[in-house]
C-alpha atoms as a PDB file:
ATOM      1  CA  MET A   1      26.707  -4.178 -30.918  1.00  0.00           C
ATOM      2  CA  ILE A   2      25.863  -5.533 -27.322  1.00  0.00           C
ATOM      3  CA  GLU A   3      25.534  -2.126 -25.804  1.00  0.00           C
ATOM      4  CA  LYS A   4      23.143  -1.004 -28.618  1.00  0.00           C
ATOM      5  CA  ASN A   5      21.109  -4.104 -27.855  1.00  0.00           C
ATOM      6  CA  PHE A   6      21.077  -3.587 -23.954  1.00  0.00           C
ATOM      7  CA  LYS A   7      19.810   0.065 -24.432  1.00  0.00           C
ATOM      8  CA  GLU A   8      17.056  -1.069 -26.698  1.00  0.00           C
ATOM      9  CA  ILE A   9      15.777  -3.732 -24.780  1.00  0.00           C
ATOM     10  CA  LEU A  10      15.972  -1.732 -21.592  1.00  0.00           C
ATOM     11  CA  GLN A  11      13.873   0.844 -23.313  1.00  0.00           C
ATOM     12  CA  GLU A  12      11.250  -1.798 -24.318  1.00  0.00           C
ATOM     13  CA  ALA A  13      11.162  -3.133 -20.623  1.00  0.00           C
ATOM     14  CA  LYS A  14      10.631   0.419 -19.297  1.00  0.00           C
ATOM     15  CA  LYS A  15       7.827   0.984 -21.870  1.00  0.00           C
ATOM     16  CA  LEU A  16       6.216  -2.203 -20.821  1.00  0.00           C
ATOM     17  CA  HIS A  17       6.613  -1.515 -17.159  1.00  0.00           C
ATOM     18  CA  GLN A  18       4.962   2.044 -17.391  1.00  0.00           C
ATOM     19  CA  LYS A  19       2.021   0.522 -19.060  1.00  0.00           C
ATOM     20  CA  GLY A  20       1.614  -1.949 -16.129  1.00  0.00           C
ATOM     21  CA  ASP A  21       2.402  -5.004 -18.385  1.00  0.00           C
ATOM     22  CA  LEU A  22       4.552  -6.377 -15.353  1.00  0.00           C
ATOM     23  CA  ILE A  23       4.969 -10.131 -16.673  1.00  0.00           C
ATOM     24  CA  SER A  24       6.384  -8.857 -20.212  1.00  0.00           C
ATOM     25  CA  ALA A  25       8.225  -6.085 -18.222  1.00  0.00           C
ATOM     26  CA  ILE A  26       9.912  -8.605 -16.128  1.00  0.00           C
ATOM     27  CA  ASN A  27      10.665 -11.290 -18.693  1.00  0.00           C
ATOM     28  CA  THR A  28      12.195  -8.159 -20.632  1.00  0.00           C
ATOM     29  CA  TYR A  29      14.159  -7.062 -17.808  1.00  0.00           C
ATOM     30  CA  LEU A  30      15.663 -10.873 -17.318  1.00  0.00           C
ATOM     31  CA  LYS A  31      16.799 -10.709 -20.890  1.00  0.00           C
ATOM     32  CA  ILE A  32      18.990  -8.052 -20.007  1.00  0.00           C
ATOM     33  CA  ILE A  33      20.220  -9.370 -16.754  1.00  0.00           C
ATOM     34  CA  ASP A  34      21.397 -12.314 -19.136  1.00  0.00           C
ATOM     35  CA  ILE A  35      23.592  -9.849 -20.765  1.00  0.00           C
ATOM     36  CA  GLU A  36      24.579  -7.569 -18.102  1.00  0.00           C
ATOM     37  CA  GLU A  37      23.639  -9.246 -14.579  1.00  0.00           C
ATOM     38  CA  ASN A  38      25.480  -6.373 -12.502  1.00  0.00           C
ATOM     39  CA  ASP A  39      24.000  -3.393 -13.995  1.00  0.00           C
ATOM     40  CA  PRO A  40      22.386  -1.431 -10.952  1.00  0.00           C
ATOM     41  CA  GLU A  41      19.590   0.217 -13.201  1.00  0.00           C
ATOM     42  CA  VAL A  42      18.257  -2.911 -14.457  1.00  0.00           C
ATOM     43  CA  ASN A  43      18.371  -4.929 -11.185  1.00  0.00           C
ATOM     44  CA  PHE A  44      16.481  -1.578  -9.652  1.00  0.00           C
ATOM     45  CA  TYR A  45      13.697  -1.745 -12.333  1.00  0.00           C
ATOM     46  CA  LEU A  46      13.697  -5.562 -11.972  1.00  0.00           C
ATOM     47  CA  GLY A  47      13.192  -5.655  -8.227  1.00  0.00           C
ATOM     48  CA  THR A  48      10.561  -2.867  -8.395  1.00  0.00           C
ATOM     49  CA  ALA A  49       8.424  -4.761 -10.919  1.00  0.00           C
ATOM     50  CA  TYR A  50       8.490  -7.962  -9.012  1.00  0.00           C
ATOM     51  CA  LEU A  51       7.577  -5.673  -5.659  1.00  0.00           C
ATOM     52  CA  GLN A  52       4.560  -4.414  -7.836  1.00  0.00           C
ATOM     53  CA  SER A  53       3.669  -7.947  -8.796  1.00  0.00           C
ATOM     54  CA  GLY A  54       3.796  -9.310  -5.264  1.00  0.00           C
ATOM     55  CA  ALA A  55       6.910 -11.436  -5.832  1.00  0.00           C
ATOM     56  CA  PHE A  56       8.635 -10.027  -2.722  1.00  0.00           C
ATOM     57  CA  GLU A  57      11.336 -12.301  -2.115  1.00  0.00           C
ATOM     58  CA  ASN A  58      12.464 -11.846  -5.862  1.00  0.00           C
ATOM     59  CA  SER A  59      12.113  -8.377  -5.328  1.00  0.00           C
ATOM     60  CA  ILE A  60      14.517  -8.214  -2.320  1.00  0.00           C
ATOM     61  CA  LYS A  61      17.078 -10.382  -4.280  1.00  0.00           C
ATOM     62  CA  TYR A  62      17.245  -7.773  -7.438  1.00  0.00           C
ATOM     63  CA  LEU A  63      17.037  -4.667  -5.271  1.00  0.00           C
ATOM     64  CA  LYS A  64      19.769  -5.867  -3.191  1.00  0.00           C
ATOM     65  CA  LYS A  65      21.728  -6.587  -6.152  1.00  0.00           C
ATOM     66  CA  SER A  66      21.279  -3.090  -7.222  1.00  0.00           C
ATOM     67  CA  LEU A  67      22.722  -1.671  -4.272  1.00  0.00           C
ATOM     68  CA  GLU A  68      26.023  -3.698  -4.977  1.00  0.00           C
ATOM     69  CA  GLY A  69      26.413  -1.062  -7.750  1.00  0.00           C
ATOM     70  CA  GLU A  70      24.285   2.203  -6.470  1.00  0.00           C
ATOM     71  CA  THR A  71      24.052   3.196  -2.905  1.00  0.00           C
ATOM     72  CA  SER A  72      22.941   6.909  -3.495  1.00  0.00           C
ATOM     73  CA  ASN A  73      19.396   6.153  -4.661  1.00  0.00           C
ATOM     74  CA  PRO A  74      16.959   6.381  -1.790  1.00  0.00           C
ATOM     75  CA  MET A  75      14.338   4.805  -3.974  1.00  0.00           C
ATOM     76  CA  ILE A  76      16.292   1.485  -3.849  1.00  0.00           C
ATOM     77  CA  TYR A  77      16.300   1.619  -0.202  1.00  0.00           C
ATOM     78  CA  ASN A  78      12.523   2.519   0.101  1.00  0.00           C
ATOM     79  CA  ASN A  79      11.493  -0.310  -2.135  1.00  0.00           C
ATOM     80  CA  LEU A  80      13.436  -2.671  -0.165  1.00  0.00           C
ATOM     81  CA  GLY A  81      11.649  -1.269   3.011  1.00  0.00           C
ATOM     82  CA  ILE A  82       8.345  -2.086   1.344  1.00  0.00           C
ATOM     83  CA  ALA A  83       9.071  -5.448   0.210  1.00  0.00           C
ATOM     84  CA  PHE A  84      10.685  -6.479   3.962  1.00  0.00           C
ATOM     85  CA  LYS A  85       7.365  -4.859   5.404  1.00  0.00           C
ATOM     86  CA  GLU A  86       5.379  -7.168   2.975  1.00  0.00           C
ATOM     87  CA  VAL A  87       6.995 -10.431   4.232  1.00  0.00           C
ATOM     88  CA  PHE A  88       6.646  -9.387   8.035  1.00  0.00           C
ATOM     89  CA  GLU A  89      10.283  -8.409   8.720  1.00  0.00           C
ATOM     90  CA  PHE A  90       9.711  -5.051  10.063  1.00  0.00           C
ATOM     91  CA  GLU A  91      12.886  -4.373  11.934  1.00  0.00           C
ATOM     92  CA  MET A  92      14.633  -4.901   8.362  1.00  0.00           C
ATOM     93  CA  ALA A  93      12.083  -2.562   6.775  1.00  0.00           C
ATOM     94  CA  LYS A  94      12.541   0.076   9.419  1.00  0.00           C
ATOM     95  CA  GLU A  95      16.272  -0.074   8.652  1.00  0.00           C
ATOM     96  CA  TYR A  96      15.963   0.427   4.870  1.00  0.00           C
ATOM     97  CA  PHE A  97      13.569   3.211   5.348  1.00  0.00           C
ATOM     98  CA  ASN A  98      16.091   4.815   7.798  1.00  0.00           C
ATOM     99  CA  LYS A  99      18.729   4.742   4.845  1.00  0.00           C
ATOM    100  CA  ALA A 100      16.266   6.199   2.366  1.00  0.00           C
ATOM    101  CA  LEU A 101      15.768   9.299   4.718  1.00  0.00           C
ATOM    102  CA  LYS A 102      19.454   9.823   5.370  1.00  0.00           C
ATOM    103  CA  ILE A 103      20.049  10.151   1.694  1.00  0.00           C
ATOM    104  CA  LYS A 104      16.477  12.185   1.174  1.00  0.00           C
ATOM    105  CA  LYS A 105      15.404  13.961   4.173  1.00  0.00           C
ATOM    106  CA  ASP A 106      12.005  15.074   2.475  1.00  0.00           C
ATOM    107  CA  PHE A 107      11.114  11.761   1.103  1.00  0.00           C
ATOM    108  CA  THR A 108       7.219  12.004   2.087  1.00  0.00           C
ATOM    109  CA  GLN A 109       6.550   8.492   1.067  1.00  0.00           C
ATOM    110  CA  VAL A 110       9.288   7.040   3.457  1.00  0.00           C
ATOM    111  CA  TYR A 111       7.816   9.051   6.516  1.00  0.00           C
ATOM    112  CA  ASN A 112       4.343   7.619   5.599  1.00  0.00           C
ATOM    113  CA  ASN A 113       6.096   4.080   5.235  1.00  0.00           C
ATOM    114  CA  GLN A 114       7.961   4.407   8.509  1.00  0.00           C
ATOM    115  CA  GLY A 115       4.512   5.311  10.153  1.00  0.00           C
ATOM    116  CA  ILE A 116       3.141   2.053   9.168  1.00  0.00           C
ATOM    117  CA  ILE A 117       6.135   0.142  10.244  1.00  0.00           C
ATOM    118  CA  PHE A 118       6.208   1.665  13.949  1.00  0.00           C
ATOM    119  CA  ARG A 119       2.476   1.103  13.998  1.00  0.00           C
ATOM    120  CA  LYS A 120       3.068  -2.605  13.135  1.00  0.00           C
ATOM    121  CA  LEU A 121       5.652  -2.711  15.830  1.00  0.00           C
ATOM    122  CA  LYS A 122       3.195  -1.214  18.508  1.00  0.00           C
ATOM    123  CA  ASP A 123       5.123   2.053  18.924  1.00  0.00           C
ATOM    124  CA  PHE A 124       2.297   4.312  18.189  1.00  0.00           C
ATOM    125  CA  ASP A 125       3.721   7.490  19.362  1.00  0.00           C
ATOM    126  CA  LYS A 126       6.441   7.226  16.796  1.00  0.00           C
ATOM    127  CA  SER A 127       3.807   5.875  14.103  1.00  0.00           C
ATOM    128  CA  LEU A 128       2.020   9.225  14.576  1.00  0.00           C
ATOM    129  CA  GLN A 129       5.253  11.330  14.432  1.00  0.00           C
ATOM    130  CA  PHE A 130       6.213   9.768  11.305  1.00  0.00           C
ATOM    131  CA  LEU A 131       2.832  10.463   9.701  1.00  0.00           C
ATOM    132  CA  LYS A 132       2.522  13.937  11.113  1.00  0.00           C
ATOM    133  CA  LYS A 133       5.752  14.762   9.323  1.00  0.00           C
ATOM    134  CA  ALA A 134       4.185  13.142   6.140  1.00  0.00           C
ATOM    135  CA  ILE A 135       1.461  15.255   6.153  1.00  0.00           C
ATOM    136  CA  GLU A 136       3.434  18.386   7.008  1.00  0.00           C
ATOM    137  CA  LEU A 137       5.626  17.941   3.602  1.00  0.00           C
ATOM    138  CA  LYS A 138       2.503  16.846   1.573  1.00  0.00           C
ATOM    139  CA  PRO A 139      -0.808  18.261   2.972  1.00  0.00           C
ATOM    140  CA  ASP A 140      -2.966  16.500   0.678  1.00  0.00           C
ATOM    141  CA  TYR A 141      -1.315  12.945   1.299  1.00  0.00           C
ATOM    142  CA  SER A 142      -4.620  11.127   1.698  1.00  0.00           C
ATOM    143  CA  GLU A 143      -2.881   8.045   2.280  1.00  0.00           C
ATOM    144  CA  ALA A 144      -1.147   9.389   5.201  1.00  0.00           C
ATOM    145  CA  PHE A 145      -4.530  10.341   6.707  1.00  0.00           C
ATOM    146  CA  ASN A 146      -5.708   7.165   6.356  1.00  0.00           C
ATOM    147  CA  ASN A 147      -2.775   5.567   7.987  1.00  0.00           C
ATOM    148  CA  THR A 148      -3.033   8.077  10.912  1.00  0.00           C
ATOM    149  CA  GLY A 149      -6.592   7.108  11.186  1.00  0.00           C
ATOM    150  CA  ASN A 150      -5.507   3.325  11.617  1.00  0.00           C
ATOM    151  CA  THR A 151      -2.707   4.075  14.302  1.00  0.00           C
ATOM    152  CA  PHE A 152      -5.695   6.071  16.179  1.00  0.00           C
ATOM    153  CA  ASN A 153      -7.889   3.097  15.783  1.00  0.00           C
ATOM    154  CA  ASP A 154      -5.369   0.541  17.239  1.00  0.00           C
ATOM    155  CA  ILE A 155      -4.999   3.076  20.286  1.00  0.00           C
ATOM    156  CA  GLY A 156      -8.906   3.255  20.735  1.00  0.00           C
ATOM    157  CA  ASN A 157      -9.141   6.724  19.796  1.00  0.00           C
ATOM    158  CA  LYS A 158     -12.265   6.164  17.478  1.00  0.00           C
ATOM    159  CA  GLU A 159     -12.949   9.939  17.162  1.00  0.00           C
ATOM    160  CA  GLU A 160      -9.610  10.991  15.874  1.00  0.00           C
ATOM    161  CA  ALA A 161      -9.481   7.747  13.478  1.00  0.00           C
ATOM    162  CA  ILE A 162     -12.627   8.898  11.870  1.00  0.00           C
ATOM    163  CA  ARG A 163     -11.615  12.536  11.677  1.00  0.00           C
ATOM    164  CA  ASN A 164      -8.520  11.426   9.706  1.00  0.00           C
ATOM    165  CA  TYR A 165     -10.450   8.827   7.546  1.00  0.00           C
ATOM    166  CA  LYS A 166     -12.813  11.546   6.511  1.00  0.00           C
ATOM    167  CA  LYS A 167     -10.005  13.697   5.698  1.00  0.00           C
ATOM    168  CA  ALA A 168      -8.299  11.061   3.435  1.00  0.00           C
ATOM    169  CA  ILE A 169     -11.878  10.782   1.750  1.00  0.00           C
ATOM    170  CA  GLN A 170     -12.147  14.562   1.330  1.00  0.00           C
ATOM    171  CA  LEU A 171      -8.817  14.457  -0.614  1.00  0.00           C
ATOM    172  CA  ARG A 172      -9.676  11.489  -2.596  1.00  0.00           C
ATOM    173  CA  PRO A 173     -13.441  11.116  -2.673  1.00  0.00           C
ATOM    174  CA  ASN A 174     -13.388   7.346  -4.038  1.00  0.00           C
ATOM    175  CA  TYR A 175     -10.936   6.213  -1.230  1.00  0.00           C
ATOM    176  CA  LEU A 176     -12.324   2.627  -0.760  1.00  0.00           C
ATOM    177  CA  ASP A 177     -10.108   1.679   2.412  1.00  0.00           C
ATOM    178  CA  ALA A 178     -10.930   4.994   4.154  1.00  0.00           C
ATOM    179  CA  TYR A 179     -14.568   4.373   3.593  1.00  0.00           C
ATOM    180  CA  LEU A 180     -14.388   0.731   4.860  1.00  0.00           C
ATOM    181  CA  ASN A 181     -12.206   1.826   8.020  1.00  0.00           C
ATOM    182  CA  ILE A 182     -14.767   4.483   8.844  1.00  0.00           C
ATOM    183  CA  GLY A 183     -17.761   1.815   8.641  1.00  0.00           C
ATOM    184  CA  THR A 184     -15.777  -0.655  10.629  1.00  0.00           C
ATOM    185  CA  CYS A 185     -15.016   1.956  13.162  1.00  0.00           C
ATOM    186  CA  TYR A 186     -18.887   3.002  13.329  1.00  0.00           C
ATOM    187  CA  GLN A 187     -19.675  -0.702  13.696  1.00  0.00           C
ATOM    188  CA  GLU A 188     -17.543  -1.128  16.861  1.00  0.00           C
ATOM    189  CA  LEU A 189     -19.098   2.082  18.177  1.00  0.00           C
ATOM    190  CA  LYS A 190     -22.552   0.404  17.493  1.00  0.00           C
ATOM    191  CA  ASN A 191     -23.612   3.190  15.325  1.00  0.00           C
ATOM    192  CA  TYR A 192     -24.823   0.760  12.727  1.00  0.00           C
ATOM    193  CA  ASP A 193     -26.476   3.067  10.559  1.00  0.00           C
ATOM    194  CA  GLU A 194     -23.319   5.334   9.578  1.00  0.00           C
ATOM    195  CA  ALA A 195     -21.418   1.944   9.566  1.00  0.00           C
ATOM    196  CA  LYS A 196     -23.728   0.619   6.712  1.00  0.00           C
ATOM    197  CA  LYS A 197     -23.858   3.794   4.899  1.00  0.00           C
ATOM    198  CA  ASN A 198     -20.001   3.687   4.676  1.00  0.00           C
ATOM    199  CA  TYR A 199     -20.197  -0.040   3.756  1.00  0.00           C
ATOM    200  CA  LEU A 200     -22.536   0.672   0.905  1.00  0.00           C
ATOM    201  CA  LYS A 201     -20.497   3.437  -0.323  1.00  0.00           C
ATOM    202  CA  VAL A 202     -17.741   1.191  -0.994  1.00  0.00           C
ATOM    203  CA  ARG A 203     -20.036  -1.520  -2.858  1.00  0.00           C
ATOM    204  CA  GLU A 204     -21.340   1.561  -4.787  1.00  0.00           C
ATOM    205  CA  ILE A 205     -17.971   2.579  -5.918  1.00  0.00           C
ATOM    206  CA  ASP A 206     -16.529  -1.173  -6.444  1.00  0.00           C
ATOM    207  CA  PRO A 207     -19.083  -3.838  -6.097  1.00  0.00           C
ATOM    208  CA  ASN A 208     -16.196  -6.472  -6.167  1.00  0.00           C
ATOM    209  CA  TYR A 209     -14.227  -4.876  -3.541  1.00  0.00           C
ATOM    210  CA  ASP A 210     -12.717  -7.691  -1.256  1.00  0.00           C
ATOM    211  CA  PHE A 211     -15.363  -8.862   1.489  1.00  0.00           C
ATOM    212  CA  ILE A 212     -17.634  -5.932   1.456  1.00  0.00           C
ATOM    213  CA  ASN A 213     -20.700  -7.850   0.606  1.00  0.00           C
ATOM    214  CA  GLY A 214     -19.886 -10.202   3.656  1.00  0.00           C
ATOM    215  CA  LYS A 215     -19.582  -7.267   5.784  1.00  0.00           C
ATOM    216  CA  ILE A 216     -22.729  -5.812   5.080  1.00  0.00           C
ATOM    217  CA  LEU A 217     -24.498  -9.199   5.653  1.00  0.00           C
ATOM    218  CA  HIS A 218     -22.708  -9.460   8.721  1.00  0.00           C
ATOM    219  CA  LEU A 219     -23.769  -6.086   9.963  1.00  0.00           C
ATOM    220  CA  ASN A 220     -27.535  -6.801   8.924  1.00  0.00           C
ATOM    221  CA  MET A 221     -27.188 -10.026  11.025  1.00  0.00           C
ATOM    222  CA  ASN A 222     -25.712  -8.161  13.929  1.00  0.00           C
ATOM    223  CA  ILE A 223     -28.675  -5.699  14.253  1.00  0.00           C
ATOM    224  CA  CYS A 224     -31.165  -8.483  13.254  1.00  0.00           C
ATOM    225  CA  ASP A 225     -31.979  -6.513  10.252  1.00  0.00           C
ATOM    226  CA  TRP A 226     -33.729  -9.347   7.907  1.00  0.00           C
ATOM    227  CA  GLU A 227     -35.402  -7.167   5.228  1.00  0.00           C
ATOM    228  CA  THR A 228     -32.557  -7.480   2.731  1.00  0.00           C
ATOM    229  CA  PHE A 229     -31.092 -10.741   4.128  1.00  0.00           C
ATOM    230  CA  ASP A 230     -31.995 -12.798   1.223  1.00  0.00           C
ATOM    231  CA  ASP A 231     -30.881 -10.120  -1.405  1.00  0.00           C
ATOM    232  CA  GLU A 232     -27.278  -9.881   0.445  1.00  0.00           C
ATOM    233  CA  LYS A 233     -27.154 -13.780   0.515  1.00  0.00           C
ATOM    234  CA  LYS A 234     -27.972 -13.902  -3.262  1.00  0.00           C
ATOM    235  CA  ILE A 235     -25.301 -11.131  -3.888  1.00  0.00           C
ATOM    236  CA  ILE A 236     -22.512 -13.174  -2.053  1.00  0.00           C
ATOM    237  CA  GLU A 237     -23.441 -16.585  -3.726  1.00  0.00           C
ATOM    238  CA  ASN A 238     -23.583 -14.799  -7.177  1.00  0.00           C
ATOM    239  CA  SER A 239     -20.147 -13.382  -6.608  1.00  0.00           C
ATOM    240  CA  ILE A 240     -18.779 -16.894  -5.650  1.00  0.00           C
END
């Protein structure tokens, strides 16, 4: 009877998880943990749901618990790496990503994640190596192109940064982060027309995108463009 209840509740939790109802999914997984606290599958799904909801410490707790019963699933190591990245423990993140790659050598997402980590650690050559590998494995990997752009931007190569951001947008036309990154690069290059064009594109796609209205207003102030200043100011005031 317990086994039947366990499976039924797990299926219910998975359905909630797949629908994106993370709070309900987490609460349901926790009910299962009360029955089978050491089950590696449940701990994995619970840790992953906590990761997706931004509760990184809880994510680490349950993903580590999952590893006590299951050491061959590369997704557990990958998700632990992401969780440690989010709490700024980059060396730990790197270690878990390496473990994931030992199990699955063509794990594209992990190469992308390692590229991010080595950029955080300011090892830009290795960052680019991992991101290049991710793109070799998946040529339409828009996120890897955007992250490649970030690494080139960090080392001051704006031209290569912009080229990679544009490739990311070519693959994903509504890629907000890439448009914003291009806009920032052009603003730093003092190409204000291109910067503004990309910022406005972000707002066109998502008017509520974080800080975009402030960036447009700040750019207008930099170039002493007061024609739309009052309108931009009102947009920010209304959003508040």
